[in-house]
Amino acid sequence: MAETEIARKAERCMADALVKLGVGFGLGIVFSVVVFKRRVWPITFGAGMGIGMAYANCQNDFQSPYLMYGKFVKNFSN
């Protein structure tokens, strides 16, 4: 049970990291070409921001063990 939850969280983290890295890289390319006259630093900055946000999300996901994704928990206290 615990191993499957850890595997699910790790998969979710890897997918989130790939998406955020790709978006940051893409936005860096756009800003590099359009605004900053083809410098390299906006691409590096965008990719770094994407990885940093993904790392923060993964860290939060692994430190909160009681979150249930996609499930509705009904309160029966009445």
PDB file of N, CA and C in Angstrom:
ATOM      1  N   MET A   1       0.826  -1.194   0.000  1.00  0.00           N
ATOM      2  CA  MET A   1       0.000   0.000   0.000  1.00  0.00           C
ATOM      3  C   MET A   1       0.869   1.257   0.000  1.00  0.00           C
ATOM      4  N   ALA A   2       1.811   1.322   0.932  1.00  0.00           N
ATOM      5  CA  ALA A   2       2.658   2.512   1.020  1.00  0.00           C
ATOM      6  C   ALA A   2       3.575   2.626  -0.191  1.00  0.00           C
ATOM      7  N   GLU A   3       4.037   1.475  -0.689  1.00  0.00           N
ATOM      8  CA  GLU A   3       4.937   1.513  -1.846  1.00  0.00           C
ATOM      9  C   GLU A   3       4.212   2.026  -3.085  1.00  0.00           C
ATOM     10  N   THR A   4       2.955   1.638  -3.246  1.00  0.00           N
ATOM     11  CA  THR A   4       2.217   2.109  -4.421  1.00  0.00           C
ATOM     12  C   THR A   4       1.921   3.597  -4.323  1.00  0.00           C
ATOM     13  N   GLU A   5       1.677   4.093  -3.116  1.00  0.00           N
ATOM     14  CA  GLU A   5       1.441   5.531  -2.942  1.00  0.00           C
ATOM     15  C   GLU A   5       2.710   6.323  -3.228  1.00  0.00           C
ATOM     16  N   ILE A   6       3.845   5.809  -2.780  1.00  0.00           N
ATOM     17  CA  ILE A   6       5.119   6.483  -3.060  1.00  0.00           C
ATOM     18  C   ILE A   6       5.412   6.456  -4.556  1.00  0.00           C
ATOM     19  N   ALA A   7       5.127   5.334  -5.199  1.00  0.00           N
ATOM     20  CA  ALA A   7       5.340   5.241  -6.649  1.00  0.00           C
ATOM     21  C   ALA A   7       4.430   6.207  -7.394  1.00  0.00           C
ATOM     22  N   ARG A   8       3.170   6.328  -6.947  1.00  0.00           N
ATOM     23  CA  ARG A   8       2.248   7.279  -7.587  1.00  0.00           C
ATOM     24  C   ARG A   8       2.729   8.713  -7.420  1.00  0.00           C
ATOM     25  N   LYS A   9       3.202   9.041  -6.224  1.00  0.00           N
ATOM     26  CA  LYS A   9       3.706  10.394  -5.988  1.00  0.00           C
ATOM     27  C   LYS A   9       4.956  10.663  -6.824  1.00  0.00           C
ATOM     28  N   ALA A  10       5.841   9.671  -6.943  1.00  0.00           N
ATOM     29  CA  ALA A  10       7.054   9.847  -7.740  1.00  0.00           C
ATOM     30  C   ALA A  10       6.714  10.030  -9.218  1.00  0.00           C
ATOM     31  N   GLU A  11       5.759   9.251  -9.714  1.00  0.00           N
ATOM     32  CA  GLU A  11       5.330   9.425 -11.110  1.00  0.00           C
ATOM     33  C   GLU A  11       4.728  10.796 -11.339  1.00  0.00           C
ATOM     34  N   ARG A  12       3.891  11.238 -10.403  1.00  0.00           N
ATOM     35  CA  ARG A  12       3.274  12.553 -10.524  1.00  0.00           C
ATOM     36  C   ARG A  12       4.336  13.646 -10.498  1.00  0.00           C
ATOM     37  N   CYS A  13       5.367  13.464  -9.661  1.00  0.00           N
ATOM     38  CA  CYS A  13       6.448  14.450  -9.586  1.00  0.00           C
ATOM     39  C   CYS A  13       7.260  14.504 -10.882  1.00  0.00           C
ATOM     40  N   MET A  14       7.554  13.333 -11.440  1.00  0.00           N
ATOM     41  CA  MET A  14       8.323  13.312 -12.689  1.00  0.00           C
ATOM     42  C   MET A  14       7.533  13.940 -13.834  1.00  0.00           C
ATOM     43  N   ALA A  15       6.247  13.644 -13.916  1.00  0.00           N
ATOM     44  CA  ALA A  15       5.416  14.239 -14.967  1.00  0.00           C
ATOM     45  C   ALA A  15       5.327  15.744 -14.784  1.00  0.00           C
ATOM     46  N   ASP A  16       5.154  16.193 -13.549  1.00  0.00           N
ATOM     47  CA  ASP A  16       5.080  17.625 -13.270  1.00  0.00           C
ATOM     48  C   ASP A  16       6.399  18.309 -13.613  1.00  0.00           C
ATOM     49  N   ALA A  17       7.518  17.654 -13.293  1.00  0.00           N
ATOM     50  CA  ALA A  17       8.827  18.238 -13.596  1.00  0.00           C
ATOM     51  C   ALA A  17       9.049  18.359 -15.101  1.00  0.00           C
ATOM     52  N   LEU A  18       8.659  17.342 -15.847  1.00  0.00           N
ATOM     53  CA  LEU A  18       8.828  17.411 -17.303  1.00  0.00           C
ATOM     54  C   LEU A  18       7.966  18.510 -17.918  1.00  0.00           C
ATOM     55  N   VAL A  19       6.737  18.635 -17.444  1.00  0.00           N
ATOM     56  CA  VAL A  19       5.855  19.673 -17.984  1.00  0.00           C
ATOM     57  C   VAL A  19       6.394  21.053 -17.637  1.00  0.00           C
ATOM     58  N   LYS A  20       6.758  21.271 -16.391  1.00  0.00           N
ATOM     59  CA  LYS A  20       7.238  22.592 -15.982  1.00  0.00           C
ATOM     60  C   LYS A  20       8.583  22.933 -16.625  1.00  0.00           C
ATOM     61  N   LEU A  21       9.445  21.941 -16.802  1.00  0.00           N
ATOM     62  CA  LEU A  21      10.710  22.180 -17.493  1.00  0.00           C
ATOM     63  C   LEU A  21      10.450  22.570 -18.942  1.00  0.00           C
ATOM     64  N   GLY A  22       9.557  21.859 -19.609  1.00  0.00           N
ATOM     65  CA  GLY A  22       9.245  22.165 -21.000  1.00  0.00           C
ATOM     66  C   GLY A  22       8.633  23.541 -21.174  1.00  0.00           C
ATOM     67  N   VAL A  23       7.704  23.890 -20.297  1.00  0.00           N
ATOM     68  CA  VAL A  23       7.066  25.213 -20.387  1.00  0.00           C
ATOM     69  C   VAL A  23       8.079  26.312 -20.095  1.00  0.00           C
ATOM     70  N   GLY A  24       8.901  26.132 -19.070  1.00  0.00           N
ATOM     71  CA  GLY A  24       9.920  27.138 -18.762  1.00  0.00           C
ATOM     72  C   GLY A  24      10.936  27.289 -19.878  1.00  0.00           C
ATOM     73  N   PHE A  25      11.333  26.171 -20.462  1.00  0.00           N
ATOM     74  CA  PHE A  25      12.272  26.197 -21.583  1.00  0.00           C
ATOM     75  C   PHE A  25      11.644  26.909 -22.787  1.00  0.00           C
ATOM     76  N   GLY A  26      10.389  26.578 -23.082  1.00  0.00           N
ATOM     77  CA  GLY A  26       9.701  27.202 -24.214  1.00  0.00           C
ATOM     78  C   GLY A  26       9.510  28.700 -24.032  1.00  0.00           C
ATOM     79  N   LEU A  27       9.084  29.097 -22.843  1.00  0.00           N
ATOM     80  CA  LEU A  27       8.940  30.530 -22.582  1.00  0.00           C
ATOM     81  C   LEU A  27      10.285  31.238 -22.620  1.00  0.00           C
ATOM     82  N   GLY A  28      11.322  30.562 -22.151  1.00  0.00           N
ATOM     83  CA  GLY A  28      12.661  31.147 -22.230  1.00  0.00           C
ATOM     84  C   GLY A  28      13.096  31.374 -23.668  1.00  0.00           C
ATOM     85  N   ILE A  29      12.795  30.422 -24.537  1.00  0.00           N
ATOM     86  CA  ILE A  29      13.130  30.588 -25.959  1.00  0.00           C
ATOM     87  C   ILE A  29      12.363  31.758 -26.559  1.00  0.00           C
ATOM     88  N   VAL A  30      11.075  31.838 -26.255  1.00  0.00           N
ATOM     89  CA  VAL A  30      10.256  32.935 -26.802  1.00  0.00           C
ATOM     90  C   VAL A  30      10.790  34.281 -26.331  1.00  0.00           C
ATOM     91  N   PHE A  31      11.041  34.424 -25.032  1.00  0.00           N
ATOM     92  CA  PHE A  31      11.558  35.691 -24.529  1.00  0.00           C
ATOM     93  C   PHE A  31      12.958  35.977 -25.044  1.00  0.00           C
ATOM     94  N   SER A  32      13.746  34.941 -25.229  1.00  0.00           N
ATOM     95  CA  SER A  32      15.091  35.132 -25.758  1.00  0.00           C
ATOM     96  C   SER A  32      15.052  35.694 -27.169  1.00  0.00           C
ATOM     97  N   VAL A  33      14.174  35.155 -27.989  1.00  0.00           N
ATOM     98  CA  VAL A  33      14.106  35.596 -29.386  1.00  0.00           C
ATOM     99  C   VAL A  33      13.419  36.949 -29.512  1.00  0.00           C
ATOM    100  N   VAL A  34      12.321  37.127 -28.792  1.00  0.00           N
ATOM    101  CA  VAL A  34      11.503  38.329 -28.980  1.00  0.00           C
ATOM    102  C   VAL A  34      12.048  39.529 -28.221  1.00  0.00           C
ATOM    103  N   VAL A  35      12.410  39.364 -26.983  1.00  0.00           N
ATOM    104  CA  VAL A  35      12.726  40.506 -26.129  1.00  0.00           C
ATOM    105  C   VAL A  35      14.226  40.719 -25.940  1.00  0.00           C
ATOM    106  N   PHE A  36      14.982  39.663 -25.701  1.00  0.00           N
ATOM    107  CA  PHE A  36      16.357  39.813 -25.259  1.00  0.00           C
ATOM    108  C   PHE A  36      17.405  39.567 -26.336  1.00  0.00           C
ATOM    109  N   LYS A  37      17.062  39.705 -27.571  1.00  0.00           N
ATOM    110  CA  LYS A  37      17.992  39.647 -28.708  1.00  0.00           C
ATOM    111  C   LYS A  37      18.858  38.396 -28.719  1.00  0.00           C
ATOM    112  N   ARG A  38      18.223  37.260 -28.563  1.00  0.00           N
ATOM    113  CA  ARG A  38      18.853  35.938 -28.666  1.00  0.00           C
ATOM    114  C   ARG A  38      19.980  35.694 -27.672  1.00  0.00           C
ATOM    115  N   ARG A  39      19.739  36.080 -26.452  1.00  0.00           N
ATOM    116  CA  ARG A  39      20.671  35.748 -25.367  1.00  0.00           C
ATOM    117  C   ARG A  39      20.325  34.366 -24.828  1.00  0.00           C
ATOM    118  N   VAL A  40      21.240  33.736 -24.146  1.00  0.00           N
ATOM    119  CA  VAL A  40      21.018  32.388 -23.631  1.00  0.00           C
ATOM    120  C   VAL A  40      20.391  32.413 -22.234  1.00  0.00           C
ATOM    121  N   TRP A  41      20.617  33.449 -21.464  1.00  0.00           N
ATOM    122  CA  TRP A  41      20.194  33.440 -20.069  1.00  0.00           C
ATOM    123  C   TRP A  41      18.681  33.332 -19.871  1.00  0.00           C
ATOM    124  N   PRO A  42      17.795  33.861 -20.729  1.00  0.00           N
ATOM    125  CA  PRO A  42      16.365  33.654 -20.481  1.00  0.00           C
ATOM    126  C   PRO A  42      15.947  32.184 -20.592  1.00  0.00           C
ATOM    127  N   ILE A  43      16.616  31.428 -21.452  1.00  0.00           N
ATOM    128  CA  ILE A  43      16.308  30.005 -21.588  1.00  0.00           C
ATOM    129  C   ILE A  43      16.721  29.266 -20.307  1.00  0.00           C
ATOM    130  N   THR A  44      17.906  29.563 -19.818  1.00  0.00           N
ATOM    131  CA  THR A  44      18.384  28.946 -18.591  1.00  0.00           C
ATOM    132  C   THR A  44      17.522  29.349 -17.399  1.00  0.00           C
ATOM    133  N   PHE A  45      17.161  30.607 -17.338  1.00  0.00           N
ATOM    134  CA  PHE A  45      16.332  31.103 -16.244  1.00  0.00           C
ATOM    135  C   PHE A  45      14.953  30.438 -16.262  1.00  0.00           C
ATOM    136  N   GLY A  46      14.340  30.344 -17.430  1.00  0.00           N
ATOM    137  CA  GLY A  46      13.021  29.712 -17.540  1.00  0.00           C
ATOM    138  C   GLY A  46      13.047  28.240 -17.164  1.00  0.00           C
ATOM    139  N   ALA A  47      14.065  27.521 -17.625  1.00  0.00           N
ATOM    140  CA  ALA A  47      14.182  26.105 -17.282  1.00  0.00           C
ATOM    141  C   ALA A  47      14.448  25.939 -15.788  1.00  0.00           C
ATOM    142  N   GLY A  48      15.263  26.790 -15.218  1.00  0.00           N
ATOM    143  CA  GLY A  48      15.538  26.733 -13.779  1.00  0.00           C
ATOM    144  C   GLY A  48      14.313  27.032 -12.941  1.00  0.00           C
ATOM    145  N   MET A  49      13.516  28.000 -13.383  1.00  0.00           N
ATOM    146  CA  MET A  49      12.272  28.298 -12.668  1.00  0.00           C
ATOM    147  C   MET A  49      11.314  27.117 -12.732  1.00  0.00           C
ATOM    148  N   GLY A  50      11.232  26.473 -13.882  1.00  0.00           N
ATOM    149  CA  GLY A  50      10.358  25.315 -14.025  1.00  0.00           C
ATOM    150  C   GLY A  50      10.770  24.172 -13.120  1.00  0.00           C
ATOM    151  N   ILE A  51      12.060  23.879 -13.085  1.00  0.00           N
ATOM    152  CA  ILE A  51      12.561  22.802 -12.216  1.00  0.00           C
ATOM    153  C   ILE A  51      12.367  23.175 -10.748  1.00  0.00           C
ATOM    154  N   GLY A  52      12.578  24.437 -10.410  1.00  0.00           N
ATOM    155  CA  GLY A  52      12.396  24.880  -9.028  1.00  0.00           C
ATOM    156  C   GLY A  52      10.947  24.742  -8.568  1.00  0.00           C
ATOM    157  N   MET A  53      10.004  25.103  -9.430  1.00  0.00           N
ATOM    158  CA  MET A  53       8.590  24.958  -9.070  1.00  0.00           C
ATOM    159  C   MET A  53       8.214  23.494  -8.949  1.00  0.00           C
ATOM    160  N   ALA A  54       8.727  22.657  -9.832  1.00  0.00           N
ATOM    161  CA  ALA A  54       8.437  21.224  -9.758  1.00  0.00           C
ATOM    162  C   ALA A  54       9.025  20.623  -8.491  1.00  0.00           C
ATOM    163  N   TYR A  55      10.220  21.029  -8.116  1.00  0.00           N
ATOM    164  CA  TYR A  55      10.846  20.534  -6.893  1.00  0.00           C
ATOM    165  C   TYR A  55      10.028  20.927  -5.666  1.00  0.00           C
ATOM    166  N   ALA A  56       9.557  22.173  -5.634  1.00  0.00           N
ATOM    167  CA  ALA A  56       8.743  22.626  -4.506  1.00  0.00           C
ATOM    168  C   ALA A  56       7.433  21.841  -4.429  1.00  0.00           C
ATOM    169  N   ASN A  57       6.811  21.582  -5.572  1.00  0.00           N
ATOM    170  CA  ASN A  57       5.575  20.798  -5.578  1.00  0.00           C
ATOM    171  C   ASN A  57       5.822  19.372  -5.098  1.00  0.00           C
ATOM    172  N   CYS A  58       6.909  18.761  -5.541  1.00  0.00           N
ATOM    173  CA  CYS A  58       7.235  17.391  -5.122  1.00  0.00           C
ATOM    174  C   CYS A  58       7.539  17.333  -3.634  1.00  0.00           C
ATOM    175  N   GLN A  59       8.267  18.308  -3.148  1.00  0.00           N
ATOM    176  CA  GLN A  59       8.590  18.341  -1.732  1.00  0.00           C
ATOM    177  C   GLN A  59       7.313  18.461  -0.901  1.00  0.00           C
ATOM    178  N   ASN A  60       6.401  19.302  -1.331  1.00  0.00           N
ATOM    179  CA  ASN A  60       5.128  19.457  -0.636  1.00  0.00           C
ATOM    180  C   ASN A  60       4.303  18.181  -0.725  1.00  0.00           C
ATOM    181  N   ASP A  61       4.333  17.525  -1.865  1.00  0.00           N
ATOM    182  CA  ASP A  61       3.563  16.306  -2.062  1.00  0.00           C
ATOM    183  C   ASP A  61       4.068  15.174  -1.173  1.00  0.00           C
ATOM    184  N   PHE A  62       5.371  15.035  -1.034  1.00  0.00           N
ATOM    185  CA  PHE A  62       5.920  13.961  -0.217  1.00  0.00           C
ATOM    186  C   PHE A  62       5.833  14.246   1.278  1.00  0.00           C
ATOM    187  N   GLN A  63       5.730  15.519   1.665  1.00  0.00           N
ATOM    188  CA  GLN A  63       5.648  15.845   3.088  1.00  0.00           C
ATOM    189  C   GLN A  63       4.215  15.880   3.609  1.00  0.00           C
ATOM    190  N   SER A  64       3.232  15.737   2.757  1.00  0.00           N
ATOM    191  CA  SER A  64       1.842  15.736   3.204  1.00  0.00           C
ATOM    192  C   SER A  64       1.234  14.369   2.886  1.00  0.00           C
ATOM    193  N   PRO A  65       1.380  13.412   3.782  1.00  0.00           N
ATOM    194  CA  PRO A  65       0.969  12.035   3.476  1.00  0.00           C
ATOM    195  C   PRO A  65      -0.528  11.798   3.501  1.00  0.00           C
ATOM    196  N   TYR A  66      -1.314  12.728   4.015  1.00  0.00           N
ATOM    197  CA  TYR A  66      -2.736  12.461   4.194  1.00  0.00           C
ATOM    198  C   TYR A  66      -3.620  13.060   3.114  1.00  0.00           C
ATOM    199  N   LEU A  67      -3.055  13.599   2.067  1.00  0.00           N
ATOM    200  CA  LEU A  67      -3.862  14.115   0.965  1.00  0.00           C
ATOM    201  C   LEU A  67      -4.341  12.963   0.097  1.00  0.00           C
ATOM    202  N   MET A  68      -5.566  13.035  -0.307  1.00  0.00           N
ATOM    203  CA  MET A  68      -6.132  12.002  -1.174  1.00  0.00           C
ATOM    204  C   MET A  68      -6.537  12.680  -2.474  1.00  0.00           C
ATOM    205  N   TYR A  69      -5.871  12.345  -3.555  1.00  0.00           N
ATOM    206  CA  TYR A  69      -6.119  12.990  -4.829  1.00  0.00           C
ATOM    207  C   TYR A  69      -7.292  12.338  -5.541  1.00  0.00           C
ATOM    208  N   GLY A  70      -8.213  13.155  -5.986  1.00  0.00           N
ATOM    209  CA  GLY A  70      -9.319  12.662  -6.804  1.00  0.00           C
ATOM    210  C   GLY A  70     -10.342  11.855  -6.032  1.00  0.00           C
ATOM    211  N   LYS A  71     -10.399  12.013  -4.726  1.00  0.00           N
ATOM    212  CA  LYS A  71     -11.365  11.271  -3.936  1.00  0.00           C
ATOM    213  C   LYS A  71     -12.199  12.247  -3.124  1.00  0.00           C
ATOM    214  N   PHE A  72     -13.464  11.922  -2.950  1.00  0.00           N
ATOM    215  CA  PHE A  72     -14.363  12.730  -2.152  1.00  0.00           C
ATOM    216  C   PHE A  72     -14.605  12.006  -0.843  1.00  0.00           C
ATOM    217  N   VAL A  73     -14.294  12.653   0.250  1.00  0.00           N
ATOM    218  CA  VAL A  73     -14.475  12.046   1.558  1.00  0.00           C
ATOM    219  C   VAL A  73     -15.706  12.680   2.192  1.00  0.00           C
ATOM    220  N   LYS A  74     -16.680  11.855   2.498  1.00  0.00           N
ATOM    221  CA  LYS A  74     -17.936  12.334   3.057  1.00  0.00           C
ATOM    222  C   LYS A  74     -17.846  12.367   4.572  1.00  0.00           C
ATOM    223  N   ASN A  75     -18.358  13.414   5.166  1.00  0.00           N
ATOM    224  CA  ASN A  75     -18.328  13.575   6.611  1.00  0.00           C
ATOM    225  C   ASN A  75     -19.591  12.960   7.199  1.00  0.00           C
ATOM    226  N   PHE A  76     -19.436  11.978   8.071  1.00  0.00           N
ATOM    227  CA  PHE A  76     -20.568  11.300   8.690  1.00  0.00           C
ATOM    228  C   PHE A  76     -20.719  11.694  10.155  1.00  0.00           C
ATOM    229  N   SER A  77     -20.358  12.895  10.530  1.00  0.00           N
ATOM    230  CA  SER A  77     -20.390  13.295  11.939  1.00  0.00           C
ATOM    231  C   SER A  77     -21.787  13.684  12.411  1.00  0.00           C
ATOM    232  N   ASN A  78     -22.751  13.826  11.525  1.00  0.00           N
ATOM    233  CA  ASN A  78     -24.119  14.242  11.942  1.00  0.00           C
ATOM    234  C   ASN A  78     -24.842  13.116  12.609  1.00  0.00           C
TER     235      ASN A  78
END
